[in-house]
């Protein structure tokens, strides 16, 4: 009888062992390196975690994020934080935008890296091609040239009489050259008098806007930049005070009072970043995962702002909008 009990107890222990191992296993570490601030990126973190949960991966149970935020303090600060992420030996690193990706590549060259949002991975040397990355980086790739052309088109459709336009851009290394080249093409096509305001730090934004005012710009285009997103309240308030029709790269500007916004749905991009992470954790290799370009774009128009600055919005424009505020 004692021998039988011993055999049953041993069998039960063997059967229970895998369950015990599964429940006591530590969550996987996922590195998270952002060039901007956590506060600005909260909706994107939420989108990522929601997508991970839909794939059966619960935050805190199946994975933990090792977060580092550079708070727009530049390449040196981002490099230090990338090293801090790398030393934790994460299974994969999510980085954004390009400057953070570059820092992650340098700090953890053998770790899979998912670019949650960024531009031109081929031009930056992250990939051999979008279809066949060939390296340790994959993810989402935006095309700034297409966006810049759309900004001008929509702004002129709203206020066809304007000619002197301010372009507010964040200095982001070689990424800026693509924006500058695109701006020059737009200026020629639409015969615009372009005034460029390139900012490096948050303290540069107010002087750039003041210079636009002194130069009597008639409209404002705000191109992609995490620092510009963080300072959107100042930018939107100035545009309202100056009665500038303004278009920016993400709907958060329109929600806060800009006339229009057009650009990729960044929350959707972070959801796709979760897809890449899930594939990698299941054994896929970054060289075999093609980069994706955004398929979801949002055009948001703020009708309240149009009334406030004296703009009569064409019906054709309103019909094109994904959402009209007010």
C-alpha atoms as a PDB file:
ATOM      1  CA  UNK A   1       0.000   0.000   0.000  1.00  0.00           C
ATOM      2  CA  UNK A   2       2.809   2.392   0.911  1.00  0.00           C
ATOM      3  CA  UNK A   3       4.582   1.560  -2.335  1.00  0.00           C
ATOM      4  CA  UNK A   4       1.400   2.348  -4.323  1.00  0.00           C
ATOM      5  CA  UNK A   5       1.014   5.708  -2.576  1.00  0.00           C
ATOM      6  CA  UNK A   6       4.633   6.520  -3.313  1.00  0.00           C
ATOM      7  CA  UNK A   7       4.154   5.743  -7.021  1.00  0.00           C
ATOM      8  CA  UNK A   8       0.981   7.887  -7.206  1.00  0.00           C
ATOM      9  CA  UNK A   9       2.703  10.774  -5.427  1.00  0.00           C
ATOM     10  CA  UNK A  10       5.662  10.598  -7.807  1.00  0.00           C
ATOM     11  CA  UNK A  11       3.343  10.555 -10.846  1.00  0.00           C
ATOM     12  CA  UNK A  12       1.446  13.548  -9.523  1.00  0.00           C
ATOM     13  CA  UNK A  13       4.680  15.431  -8.944  1.00  0.00           C
ATOM     14  CA  UNK A  14       5.876  14.705 -12.489  1.00  0.00           C
ATOM     15  CA  UNK A  15       2.534  15.799 -13.978  1.00  0.00           C
ATOM     16  CA  UNK A  16       2.523  18.993 -11.922  1.00  0.00           C
ATOM     17  CA  UNK A  17       6.134  19.947 -12.650  1.00  0.00           C
ATOM     18  CA  UNK A  18       5.547  21.580 -16.093  1.00  0.00           C
ATOM     19  CA  UNK A  19       2.645  23.601 -14.680  1.00  0.00           C
ATOM     20  CA  UNK A  20       4.778  24.770 -11.784  1.00  0.00           C
ATOM     21  CA  UNK A  21       7.597  25.708 -14.144  1.00  0.00           C
ATOM     22  CA  UNK A  22       5.188  27.630 -16.345  1.00  0.00           C
ATOM     23  CA  UNK A  23       3.658  29.595 -13.491  1.00  0.00           C
ATOM     24  CA  UNK A  24       7.021  30.445 -11.903  1.00  0.00           C
ATOM     25  CA  UNK A  25       8.781  31.414 -15.157  1.00  0.00           C
ATOM     26  CA  UNK A  26       9.891  35.041 -15.178  1.00  0.00           C
ATOM     27  CA  UNK A  27       8.266  37.303 -17.768  1.00  0.00           C
ATOM     28  CA  UNK A  28      10.272  38.007 -20.911  1.00  0.00           C
ATOM     29  CA  UNK A  29      12.033  41.366 -21.006  1.00  0.00           C
ATOM     30  CA  UNK A  30      11.175  43.648 -23.930  1.00  0.00           C
ATOM     31  CA  UNK A  31      13.362  46.721 -24.271  1.00  0.00           C
ATOM     32  CA  UNK A  32      11.576  50.000 -24.975  1.00  0.00           C
ATOM     33  CA  UNK A  33      13.609  52.997 -26.121  1.00  0.00           C
ATOM     34  CA  UNK A  34      11.845  56.264 -26.948  1.00  0.00           C
ATOM     35  CA  UNK A  35      13.483  59.505 -28.034  1.00  0.00           C
ATOM     36  CA  UNK A  36      10.555  61.548 -26.720  1.00  0.00           C
ATOM     37  CA  UNK A  37       8.815  61.546 -23.346  1.00  0.00           C
ATOM     38  CA  UNK A  38       6.679  58.865 -21.751  1.00  0.00           C
ATOM     39  CA  UNK A  39       3.838  61.335 -21.229  1.00  0.00           C
ATOM     40  CA  UNK A  40       3.552  62.089 -24.945  1.00  0.00           C
ATOM     41  CA  UNK A  41       3.726  58.394 -25.809  1.00  0.00           C
ATOM     42  CA  UNK A  42       1.164  57.031 -23.338  1.00  0.00           C
ATOM     43  CA  UNK A  43      -1.465  56.348 -26.052  1.00  0.00           C
ATOM     44  CA  UNK A  44       1.133  54.414 -28.037  1.00  0.00           C
ATOM     45  CA  UNK A  45       2.185  52.290 -25.054  1.00  0.00           C
ATOM     46  CA  UNK A  46      -1.489  51.491 -24.467  1.00  0.00           C
ATOM     47  CA  UNK A  47      -1.959  50.527 -28.131  1.00  0.00           C
ATOM     48  CA  UNK A  48       1.070  48.210 -27.969  1.00  0.00           C
ATOM     49  CA  UNK A  49      -0.075  46.494 -24.780  1.00  0.00           C
ATOM     50  CA  UNK A  50      -3.626  46.077 -26.087  1.00  0.00           C
ATOM     51  CA  UNK A  51      -2.325  44.395 -29.233  1.00  0.00           C
ATOM     52  CA  UNK A  52      -0.010  42.153 -27.205  1.00  0.00           C
ATOM     53  CA  UNK A  53      -2.911  41.112 -24.976  1.00  0.00           C
ATOM     54  CA  UNK A  54      -4.997  40.241 -28.035  1.00  0.00           C
ATOM     55  CA  UNK A  55      -2.194  37.855 -29.002  1.00  0.00           C
ATOM     56  CA  UNK A  56      -2.246  36.214 -25.584  1.00  0.00           C
ATOM     57  CA  UNK A  57       0.663  38.136 -24.040  1.00  0.00           C
ATOM     58  CA  UNK A  58      -0.228  39.934 -20.816  1.00  0.00           C
ATOM     59  CA  UNK A  59       1.900  42.765 -19.468  1.00  0.00           C
ATOM     60  CA  UNK A  60       3.550  41.806 -16.188  1.00  0.00           C
ATOM     61  CA  UNK A  61       2.742  38.118 -16.590  1.00  0.00           C
ATOM     62  CA  UNK A  62       4.203  37.125 -19.955  1.00  0.00           C
ATOM     63  CA  UNK A  63       6.475  40.124 -20.526  1.00  0.00           C
ATOM     64  CA  UNK A  64       7.704  43.326 -18.913  1.00  0.00           C
ATOM     65  CA  UNK A  65       8.801  46.500 -20.673  1.00  0.00           C
ATOM     66  CA  UNK A  66      12.261  47.802 -19.794  1.00  0.00           C
ATOM     67  CA  UNK A  67      11.467  51.446 -20.544  1.00  0.00           C
ATOM     68  CA  UNK A  68      13.905  54.268 -21.166  1.00  0.00           C
ATOM     69  CA  UNK A  69      12.897  57.736 -22.382  1.00  0.00           C
ATOM     70  CA  UNK A  70      15.344  60.321 -23.711  1.00  0.00           C
ATOM     71  CA  UNK A  71      12.871  63.212 -23.250  1.00  0.00           C
ATOM     72  CA  UNK A  72      14.143  64.833 -26.470  1.00  0.00           C
ATOM     73  CA  UNK A  73      17.606  65.364 -24.955  1.00  0.00           C
ATOM     74  CA  UNK A  74      19.490  64.284 -28.045  1.00  0.00           C
ATOM     75  CA  UNK A  75      21.712  61.533 -29.378  1.00  0.00           C
ATOM     76  CA  UNK A  76      24.166  61.338 -26.461  1.00  0.00           C
ATOM     77  CA  UNK A  77      21.416  60.848 -23.901  1.00  0.00           C
ATOM     78  CA  UNK A  78      19.675  58.310 -26.127  1.00  0.00           C
ATOM     79  CA  UNK A  79      22.922  56.341 -26.491  1.00  0.00           C
ATOM     80  CA  UNK A  80      23.349  56.134 -22.693  1.00  0.00           C
ATOM     81  CA  UNK A  81      19.789  54.869 -22.285  1.00  0.00           C
ATOM     82  CA  UNK A  82      20.212  52.355 -25.103  1.00  0.00           C
ATOM     83  CA  UNK A  83      23.185  50.889 -23.236  1.00  0.00           C
ATOM     84  CA  UNK A  84      21.035  50.626 -20.094  1.00  0.00           C
ATOM     85  CA  UNK A  85      18.404  48.699 -22.037  1.00  0.00           C
ATOM     86  CA  UNK A  86      20.992  46.432 -23.662  1.00  0.00           C
ATOM     87  CA  UNK A  87      22.564  45.404 -20.354  1.00  0.00           C
ATOM     88  CA  UNK A  88      19.234  43.858 -19.270  1.00  0.00           C
ATOM     89  CA  UNK A  89      19.539  41.412 -22.206  1.00  0.00           C
ATOM     90  CA  UNK A  90      16.011  41.837 -23.586  1.00  0.00           C
ATOM     91  CA  UNK A  91      14.548  39.320 -26.024  1.00  0.00           C
ATOM     92  CA  UNK A  92      13.710  42.175 -28.401  1.00  0.00           C
ATOM     93  CA  UNK A  93      13.914  45.985 -28.345  1.00  0.00           C
ATOM     94  CA  UNK A  94      11.160  48.329 -29.526  1.00  0.00           C
ATOM     95  CA  UNK A  95      12.710  51.683 -30.517  1.00  0.00           C
ATOM     96  CA  UNK A  96      11.424  54.900 -32.098  1.00  0.00           C
ATOM     97  CA  UNK A  97      11.973  57.035 -34.033  1.00  0.00           C
ATOM     98  CA  UNK A  98      15.187  56.747 -36.110  1.00  0.00           C
ATOM     99  CA  UNK A  99      17.656  58.199 -33.608  1.00  0.00           C
ATOM    100  CA  UNK A 100      16.558  55.720 -30.949  1.00  0.00           C
ATOM    101  CA  UNK A 101      16.742  52.858 -33.437  1.00  0.00           C
ATOM    102  CA  UNK A 102      20.304  53.819 -34.351  1.00  0.00           C
ATOM    103  CA  UNK A 103      21.292  53.944 -30.667  1.00  0.00           C
ATOM    104  CA  UNK A 104      19.703  50.534 -30.050  1.00  0.00           C
ATOM    105  CA  UNK A 105      21.539  49.007 -33.025  1.00  0.00           C
ATOM    106  CA  UNK A 106      24.861  50.245 -31.687  1.00  0.00           C
ATOM    107  CA  UNK A 107      24.218  49.197 -28.089  1.00  0.00           C
ATOM    108  CA  UNK A 108      22.728  45.784 -28.879  1.00  0.00           C
ATOM    109  CA  UNK A 109      23.878  44.690 -32.362  1.00  0.00           C
ATOM    110  CA  UNK A 110      22.827  41.063 -31.861  1.00  0.00           C
ATOM    111  CA  UNK A 111      19.362  41.807 -30.448  1.00  0.00           C
ATOM    112  CA  UNK A 112      16.247  41.934 -32.690  1.00  0.00           C
ATOM    113  CA  UNK A 113      14.971  45.513 -32.949  1.00  0.00           C
ATOM    114  CA  UNK A 114      11.493  46.619 -33.966  1.00  0.00           C
ATOM    115  CA  UNK A 115      11.190  50.181 -35.284  1.00  0.00           C
ATOM    116  CA  UNK A 116       7.741  51.136 -34.012  1.00  0.00           C
ATOM    117  CA  UNK A 117       7.656  54.275 -36.124  1.00  0.00           C
ATOM    118  CA  UNK A 118      10.326  55.957 -38.195  1.00  0.00           C
ATOM    119  CA  UNK A 119      11.434  56.756 -41.717  1.00  0.00           C
ATOM    120  CA  UNK A 120      13.637  55.437 -44.517  1.00  0.00           C
ATOM    121  CA  UNK A 121      15.317  52.440 -42.823  1.00  0.00           C
ATOM    122  CA  UNK A 122      17.303  51.784 -45.990  1.00  0.00           C
ATOM    123  CA  UNK A 123      18.721  55.303 -46.155  1.00  0.00           C
ATOM    124  CA  UNK A 124      19.643  55.124 -42.476  1.00  0.00           C
ATOM    125  CA  UNK A 125      21.468  51.844 -42.983  1.00  0.00           C
ATOM    126  CA  UNK A 126      19.104  49.735 -40.879  1.00  0.00           C
ATOM    127  CA  UNK A 127      18.066  47.515 -43.787  1.00  0.00           C
ATOM    128  CA  UNK A 128      19.187  46.440 -47.238  1.00  0.00           C
ATOM    129  CA  UNK A 129      15.638  46.880 -48.544  1.00  0.00           C
ATOM    130  CA  UNK A 130      12.120  47.164 -47.168  1.00  0.00           C
ATOM    131  CA  UNK A 131      11.175  43.737 -48.512  1.00  0.00           C
ATOM    132  CA  UNK A 132      14.354  41.990 -47.345  1.00  0.00           C
ATOM    133  CA  UNK A 133      15.816  43.885 -44.381  1.00  0.00           C
ATOM    134  CA  UNK A 134      18.807  41.573 -44.052  1.00  0.00           C
ATOM    135  CA  UNK A 135      19.815  42.899 -40.614  1.00  0.00           C
ATOM    136  CA  UNK A 136      18.492  42.885 -37.073  1.00  0.00           C
ATOM    137  CA  UNK A 137      15.951  45.701 -37.586  1.00  0.00           C
ATOM    138  CA  UNK A 138      12.406  45.458 -38.916  1.00  0.00           C
ATOM    139  CA  UNK A 139       9.114  47.252 -38.266  1.00  0.00           C
ATOM    140  CA  UNK A 140       7.254  50.281 -39.612  1.00  0.00           C
ATOM    141  CA  UNK A 141       8.594  52.773 -42.163  1.00  0.00           C
ATOM    142  CA  UNK A 142       6.926  56.093 -43.013  1.00  0.00           C
ATOM    143  CA  UNK A 143       7.601  58.047 -46.189  1.00  0.00           C
ATOM    144  CA  UNK A 144       8.064  61.728 -45.330  1.00  0.00           C
ATOM    145  CA  UNK A 145       8.123  62.898 -48.928  1.00  0.00           C
ATOM    146  CA  UNK A 146       4.568  61.711 -49.539  1.00  0.00           C
ATOM    147  CA  UNK A 147       3.373  63.329 -46.308  1.00  0.00           C
ATOM    148  CA  UNK A 148       4.951  66.718 -47.029  1.00  0.00           C
ATOM    149  CA  UNK A 149       3.300  66.888 -50.434  1.00  0.00           C
ATOM    150  CA  UNK A 150      -0.073  66.120 -48.867  1.00  0.00           C
ATOM    151  CA  UNK A 151       0.346  68.846 -46.224  1.00  0.00           C
ATOM    152  CA  UNK A 152       0.744  71.538 -48.872  1.00  0.00           C
ATOM    153  CA  UNK A 153      -2.084  70.177 -50.993  1.00  0.00           C
ATOM    154  CA  UNK A 154      -4.563  70.190 -48.103  1.00  0.00           C
ATOM    155  CA  UNK A 155      -3.455  73.576 -46.781  1.00  0.00           C
ATOM    156  CA  UNK A 156      -3.917  75.203 -50.191  1.00  0.00           C
ATOM    157  CA  UNK A 157      -7.282  73.499 -50.652  1.00  0.00           C
ATOM    158  CA  UNK A 158      -8.388  75.163 -47.413  1.00  0.00           C
ATOM    159  CA  UNK A 159      -6.875  78.586 -48.056  1.00  0.00           C
ATOM    160  CA  UNK A 160      -6.025  78.836 -51.776  1.00  0.00           C
ATOM    161  CA  UNK A 161      -4.921  82.460 -51.539  1.00  0.00           C
ATOM    162  CA  UNK A 162      -1.942  81.920 -49.248  1.00  0.00           C
ATOM    163  CA  UNK A 163       1.594  81.984 -50.622  1.00  0.00           C
ATOM    164  CA  UNK A 164       3.965  82.583 -47.702  1.00  0.00           C
ATOM    165  CA  UNK A 165       4.041  79.423 -45.593  1.00  0.00           C
ATOM    166  CA  UNK A 166       6.067  78.568 -42.514  1.00  0.00           C
ATOM    167  CA  UNK A 167       7.501  75.045 -42.317  1.00  0.00           C
ATOM    168  CA  UNK A 168       8.247  74.085 -38.710  1.00  0.00           C
ATOM    169  CA  UNK A 169      10.654  71.136 -38.573  1.00  0.00           C
ATOM    170  CA  UNK A 170      12.584  69.345 -35.854  1.00  0.00           C
ATOM    171  CA  UNK A 171      16.272  68.778 -36.477  1.00  0.00           C
ATOM    172  CA  UNK A 172      16.715  65.000 -36.704  1.00  0.00           C
ATOM    173  CA  UNK A 173      19.987  64.513 -38.546  1.00  0.00           C
ATOM    174  CA  UNK A 174      19.803  63.004 -42.007  1.00  0.00           C
ATOM    175  CA  UNK A 175      16.043  62.594 -41.658  1.00  0.00           C
ATOM    176  CA  UNK A 176      15.772  66.350 -42.161  1.00  0.00           C
ATOM    177  CA  UNK A 177      17.308  66.242 -45.607  1.00  0.00           C
ATOM    178  CA  UNK A 178      14.369  64.210 -46.924  1.00  0.00           C
ATOM    179  CA  UNK A 179      11.978  66.808 -45.499  1.00  0.00           C
ATOM    180  CA  UNK A 180      14.011  69.722 -46.873  1.00  0.00           C
ATOM    181  CA  UNK A 181      14.195  68.143 -50.343  1.00  0.00           C
ATOM    182  CA  UNK A 182      10.459  67.526 -50.268  1.00  0.00           C
ATOM    183  CA  UNK A 183       9.782  71.103 -49.145  1.00  0.00           C
ATOM    184  CA  UNK A 184      11.838  72.466 -52.025  1.00  0.00           C
ATOM    185  CA  UNK A 185       9.838  70.411 -54.514  1.00  0.00           C
ATOM    186  CA  UNK A 186       6.554  71.590 -53.011  1.00  0.00           C
ATOM    187  CA  UNK A 187       7.666  75.230 -53.174  1.00  0.00           C
ATOM    188  CA  UNK A 188       8.402  74.922 -56.880  1.00  0.00           C
ATOM    189  CA  UNK A 189       5.195  73.095 -57.750  1.00  0.00           C
ATOM    190  CA  UNK A 190       2.896  75.466 -55.860  1.00  0.00           C
ATOM    191  CA  UNK A 191       4.928  78.686 -56.252  1.00  0.00           C
ATOM    192  CA  UNK A 192       5.114  79.144 -52.487  1.00  0.00           C
ATOM    193  CA  UNK A 193       7.261  81.536 -50.507  1.00  0.00           C
ATOM    194  CA  UNK A 194       8.562  79.056 -47.920  1.00  0.00           C
ATOM    195  CA  UNK A 195      10.037  80.096 -44.574  1.00  0.00           C
ATOM    196  CA  UNK A 196      11.870  77.290 -42.770  1.00  0.00           C
ATOM    197  CA  UNK A 197      12.013  77.046 -39.008  1.00  0.00           C
ATOM    198  CA  UNK A 198      14.258  74.176 -37.922  1.00  0.00           C
ATOM    199  CA  UNK A 199      14.364  73.575 -34.172  1.00  0.00           C
ATOM    200  CA  UNK A 200      16.766  71.484 -32.103  1.00  0.00           C
ATOM    201  CA  UNK A 201      15.499  72.093 -28.575  1.00  0.00           C
ATOM    202  CA  UNK A 202      12.105  72.958 -27.141  1.00  0.00           C
ATOM    203  CA  UNK A 203      13.406  76.446 -26.388  1.00  0.00           C
ATOM    204  CA  UNK A 204      13.865  77.026 -30.145  1.00  0.00           C
ATOM    205  CA  UNK A 205      10.181  76.660 -30.979  1.00  0.00           C
ATOM    206  CA  UNK A 206       8.832  79.949 -29.620  1.00  0.00           C
ATOM    207  CA  UNK A 207      11.546  82.054 -31.364  1.00  0.00           C
ATOM    208  CA  UNK A 208      10.888  80.186 -34.624  1.00  0.00           C
ATOM    209  CA  UNK A 209       7.182  80.975 -34.390  1.00  0.00           C
ATOM    210  CA  UNK A 210       7.969  84.606 -33.544  1.00  0.00           C
ATOM    211  CA  UNK A 211      10.159  84.827 -36.639  1.00  0.00           C
ATOM    212  CA  UNK A 212       7.340  83.418 -38.749  1.00  0.00           C
ATOM    213  CA  UNK A 213       5.099  86.150 -37.362  1.00  0.00           C
ATOM    214  CA  UNK A 214       7.634  88.869 -38.144  1.00  0.00           C
ATOM    215  CA  UNK A 215       7.931  87.503 -41.678  1.00  0.00           C
ATOM    216  CA  UNK A 216       4.139  87.559 -41.977  1.00  0.00           C
ATOM    217  CA  UNK A 217       3.593  83.984 -42.948  1.00  0.00           C
ATOM    218  CA  UNK A 218       0.018  83.181 -43.943  1.00  0.00           C
ATOM    219  CA  UNK A 219      -0.079  79.517 -42.999  1.00  0.00           C
ATOM    220  CA  UNK A 220       1.849  76.891 -41.037  1.00  0.00           C
ATOM    221  CA  UNK A 221       2.938  73.320 -41.774  1.00  0.00           C
ATOM    222  CA  UNK A 222       4.291  71.270 -38.850  1.00  0.00           C
ATOM    223  CA  UNK A 223       6.246  68.219 -39.987  1.00  0.00           C
ATOM    224  CA  UNK A 224       7.039  65.023 -38.095  1.00  0.00           C
ATOM    225  CA  UNK A 225       8.977  65.430 -34.843  1.00  0.00           C
ATOM    226  CA  UNK A 226       8.501  64.123 -31.272  1.00  0.00           C
ATOM    227  CA  UNK A 227       9.654  67.423 -29.795  1.00  0.00           C
ATOM    228  CA  UNK A 228       7.056  69.302 -31.835  1.00  0.00           C
ATOM    229  CA  UNK A 229       4.399  66.908 -30.596  1.00  0.00           C
ATOM    230  CA  UNK A 230       5.450  67.531 -27.005  1.00  0.00           C
ATOM    231  CA  UNK A 231       5.182  71.319 -27.535  1.00  0.00           C
ATOM    232  CA  UNK A 232       1.967  71.222 -29.562  1.00  0.00           C
ATOM    233  CA  UNK A 233       0.024  73.379 -27.066  1.00  0.00           C
ATOM    234  CA  UNK A 234       2.394  76.306 -27.700  1.00  0.00           C
ATOM    235  CA  UNK A 235       2.328  75.781 -31.466  1.00  0.00           C
ATOM    236  CA  UNK A 236      -1.466  75.500 -31.666  1.00  0.00           C
ATOM    237  CA  UNK A 237      -2.008  78.513 -29.402  1.00  0.00           C
ATOM    238  CA  UNK A 238       0.295  80.658 -31.533  1.00  0.00           C
ATOM    239  CA  UNK A 239      -1.426  79.558 -34.741  1.00  0.00           C
ATOM    240  CA  UNK A 240      -4.815  80.459 -33.278  1.00  0.00           C
ATOM    241  CA  UNK A 241      -3.613  83.862 -32.078  1.00  0.00           C
ATOM    242  CA  UNK A 242      -2.091  84.622 -35.483  1.00  0.00           C
ATOM    243  CA  UNK A 243      -5.081  83.157 -37.334  1.00  0.00           C
ATOM    244  CA  UNK A 244      -2.791  80.872 -39.309  1.00  0.00           C
ATOM    245  CA  UNK A 245      -4.424  77.958 -41.072  1.00  0.00           C
ATOM    246  CA  UNK A 246      -2.247  75.103 -39.891  1.00  0.00           C
ATOM    247  CA  UNK A 247      -1.780  71.441 -40.681  1.00  0.00           C
ATOM    248  CA  UNK A 248       0.316  69.019 -38.625  1.00  0.00           C
ATOM    249  CA  UNK A 249       1.392  65.402 -38.786  1.00  0.00           C
ATOM    250  CA  UNK A 250      -0.873  63.798 -36.175  1.00  0.00           C
ATOM    251  CA  UNK A 251      -4.429  64.196 -34.985  1.00  0.00           C
ATOM    252  CA  UNK A 252      -3.370  65.255 -31.491  1.00  0.00           C
ATOM    253  CA  UNK A 253      -2.742  68.715 -32.970  1.00  0.00           C
ATOM    254  CA  UNK A 254      -6.253  68.912 -34.448  1.00  0.00           C
ATOM    255  CA  UNK A 255      -7.724  67.632 -31.181  1.00  0.00           C
ATOM    256  CA  UNK A 256      -5.954  70.510 -29.415  1.00  0.00           C
ATOM    257  CA  UNK A 257      -7.135  73.180 -31.862  1.00  0.00           C
ATOM    258  CA  UNK A 258      -5.077  73.074 -35.046  1.00  0.00           C
ATOM    259  CA  UNK A 259      -7.121  73.542 -38.209  1.00  0.00           C
ATOM    260  CA  UNK A 260      -6.116  70.181 -39.695  1.00  0.00           C
ATOM    261  CA  UNK A 261      -3.947  67.127 -39.250  1.00  0.00           C
ATOM    262  CA  UNK A 262      -2.925  64.431 -41.677  1.00  0.00           C
ATOM    263  CA  UNK A 263      -0.686  61.466 -41.175  1.00  0.00           C
ATOM    264  CA  UNK A 264      -0.323  57.842 -40.225  1.00  0.00           C
ATOM    265  CA  UNK A 265      -2.339  56.512 -37.349  1.00  0.00           C
ATOM    266  CA  UNK A 266       0.555  56.173 -34.913  1.00  0.00           C
ATOM    267  CA  UNK A 267      -1.474  54.048 -32.489  1.00  0.00           C
ATOM    268  CA  UNK A 268      -2.022  51.590 -35.346  1.00  0.00           C
ATOM    269  CA  UNK A 269       1.731  51.533 -35.980  1.00  0.00           C
ATOM    270  CA  UNK A 270       2.410  50.591 -32.375  1.00  0.00           C
ATOM    271  CA  UNK A 271      -0.167  47.842 -32.675  1.00  0.00           C
ATOM    272  CA  UNK A 272       1.770  46.545 -35.673  1.00  0.00           C
ATOM    273  CA  UNK A 273       4.969  46.811 -33.619  1.00  0.00           C
ATOM    274  CA  UNK A 274       3.368  44.315 -31.243  1.00  0.00           C
ATOM    275  CA  UNK A 275       2.788  42.001 -34.213  1.00  0.00           C
ATOM    276  CA  UNK A 276       6.505  42.139 -35.082  1.00  0.00           C
ATOM    277  CA  UNK A 277       7.475  41.491 -31.461  1.00  0.00           C
ATOM    278  CA  UNK A 278       5.125  38.515 -31.265  1.00  0.00           C
ATOM    279  CA  UNK A 279       6.548  37.032 -34.483  1.00  0.00           C
ATOM    280  CA  UNK A 280      10.105  37.423 -33.207  1.00  0.00           C
ATOM    281  CA  UNK A 281       9.272  35.857 -29.839  1.00  0.00           C
ATOM    282  CA  UNK A 282       7.817  32.912 -31.748  1.00  0.00           C
ATOM    283  CA  UNK A 283      11.111  32.429 -33.566  1.00  0.00           C
ATOM    284  CA  UNK A 284      10.937  34.634 -36.675  1.00  0.00           C
ATOM    285  CA  UNK A 285      14.151  36.441 -37.609  1.00  0.00           C
ATOM    286  CA  UNK A 286      14.221  40.198 -38.368  1.00  0.00           C
ATOM    287  CA  UNK A 287      16.014  39.690 -41.727  1.00  0.00           C
ATOM    288  CA  UNK A 288      12.990  37.674 -42.879  1.00  0.00           C
ATOM    289  CA  UNK A 289      10.302  40.147 -41.725  1.00  0.00           C
ATOM    290  CA  UNK A 290       9.672  42.863 -44.354  1.00  0.00           C
ATOM    291  CA  UNK A 291       9.221  46.434 -43.218  1.00  0.00           C
ATOM    292  CA  UNK A 292       5.645  47.677 -43.465  1.00  0.00           C
ATOM    293  CA  UNK A 293       4.481  51.077 -44.634  1.00  0.00           C
ATOM    294  CA  UNK A 294       1.383  52.622 -43.032  1.00  0.00           C
ATOM    295  CA  UNK A 295      -1.959  51.629 -44.459  1.00  0.00           C
ATOM    296  CA  UNK A 296      -4.081  53.748 -42.112  1.00  0.00           C
ATOM    297  CA  UNK A 297      -3.943  57.535 -42.518  1.00  0.00           C
ATOM    298  CA  UNK A 298      -6.136  60.033 -40.695  1.00  0.00           C
ATOM    299  CA  UNK A 299      -7.307  63.364 -42.038  1.00  0.00           C
ATOM    300  CA  UNK A 300      -8.921  65.386 -39.230  1.00  0.00           C
ATOM    301  CA  UNK A 301     -10.460  68.834 -39.658  1.00  0.00           C
ATOM    302  CA  UNK A 302     -11.367  71.145 -36.774  1.00  0.00           C
ATOM    303  CA  UNK A 303     -14.420  73.127 -37.862  1.00  0.00           C
ATOM    304  CA  UNK A 304     -14.445  75.128 -34.616  1.00  0.00           C
ATOM    305  CA  UNK A 305     -10.963  76.415 -35.421  1.00  0.00           C
ATOM    306  CA  UNK A 306     -11.988  77.244 -38.982  1.00  0.00           C
ATOM    307  CA  UNK A 307     -14.754  79.478 -37.636  1.00  0.00           C
ATOM    308  CA  UNK A 308     -12.410  81.075 -35.104  1.00  0.00           C
ATOM    309  CA  UNK A 309      -9.823  82.084 -37.730  1.00  0.00           C
ATOM    310  CA  UNK A 310     -12.326  83.014 -40.432  1.00  0.00           C
ATOM    311  CA  UNK A 311     -11.859  80.094 -42.833  1.00  0.00           C
ATOM    312  CA  UNK A 312     -14.756  78.791 -44.909  1.00  0.00           C
ATOM    313  CA  UNK A 313     -14.053  75.110 -45.331  1.00  0.00           C
ATOM    314  CA  UNK A 314     -14.921  73.755 -48.784  1.00  0.00           C
ATOM    315  CA  UNK A 315     -17.546  71.039 -48.702  1.00  0.00           C
ATOM    316  CA  UNK A 316     -15.281  68.871 -50.846  1.00  0.00           C
ATOM    317  CA  UNK A 317     -12.602  69.045 -48.149  1.00  0.00           C
ATOM    318  CA  UNK A 318     -15.023  68.121 -45.380  1.00  0.00           C
ATOM    319  CA  UNK A 319     -16.155  65.099 -47.359  1.00  0.00           C
ATOM    320  CA  UNK A 320     -12.562  63.903 -47.583  1.00  0.00           C
ATOM    321  CA  UNK A 321     -12.031  64.132 -43.810  1.00  0.00           C
ATOM    322  CA  UNK A 322     -12.020  61.009 -41.668  1.00  0.00           C
ATOM    323  CA  UNK A 323     -13.273  63.116 -38.786  1.00  0.00           C
ATOM    324  CA  UNK A 324     -14.637  66.663 -38.427  1.00  0.00           C
ATOM    325  CA  UNK A 325     -14.384  68.243 -34.972  1.00  0.00           C
ATOM    326  CA  UNK A 326     -17.165  70.674 -34.120  1.00  0.00           C
END
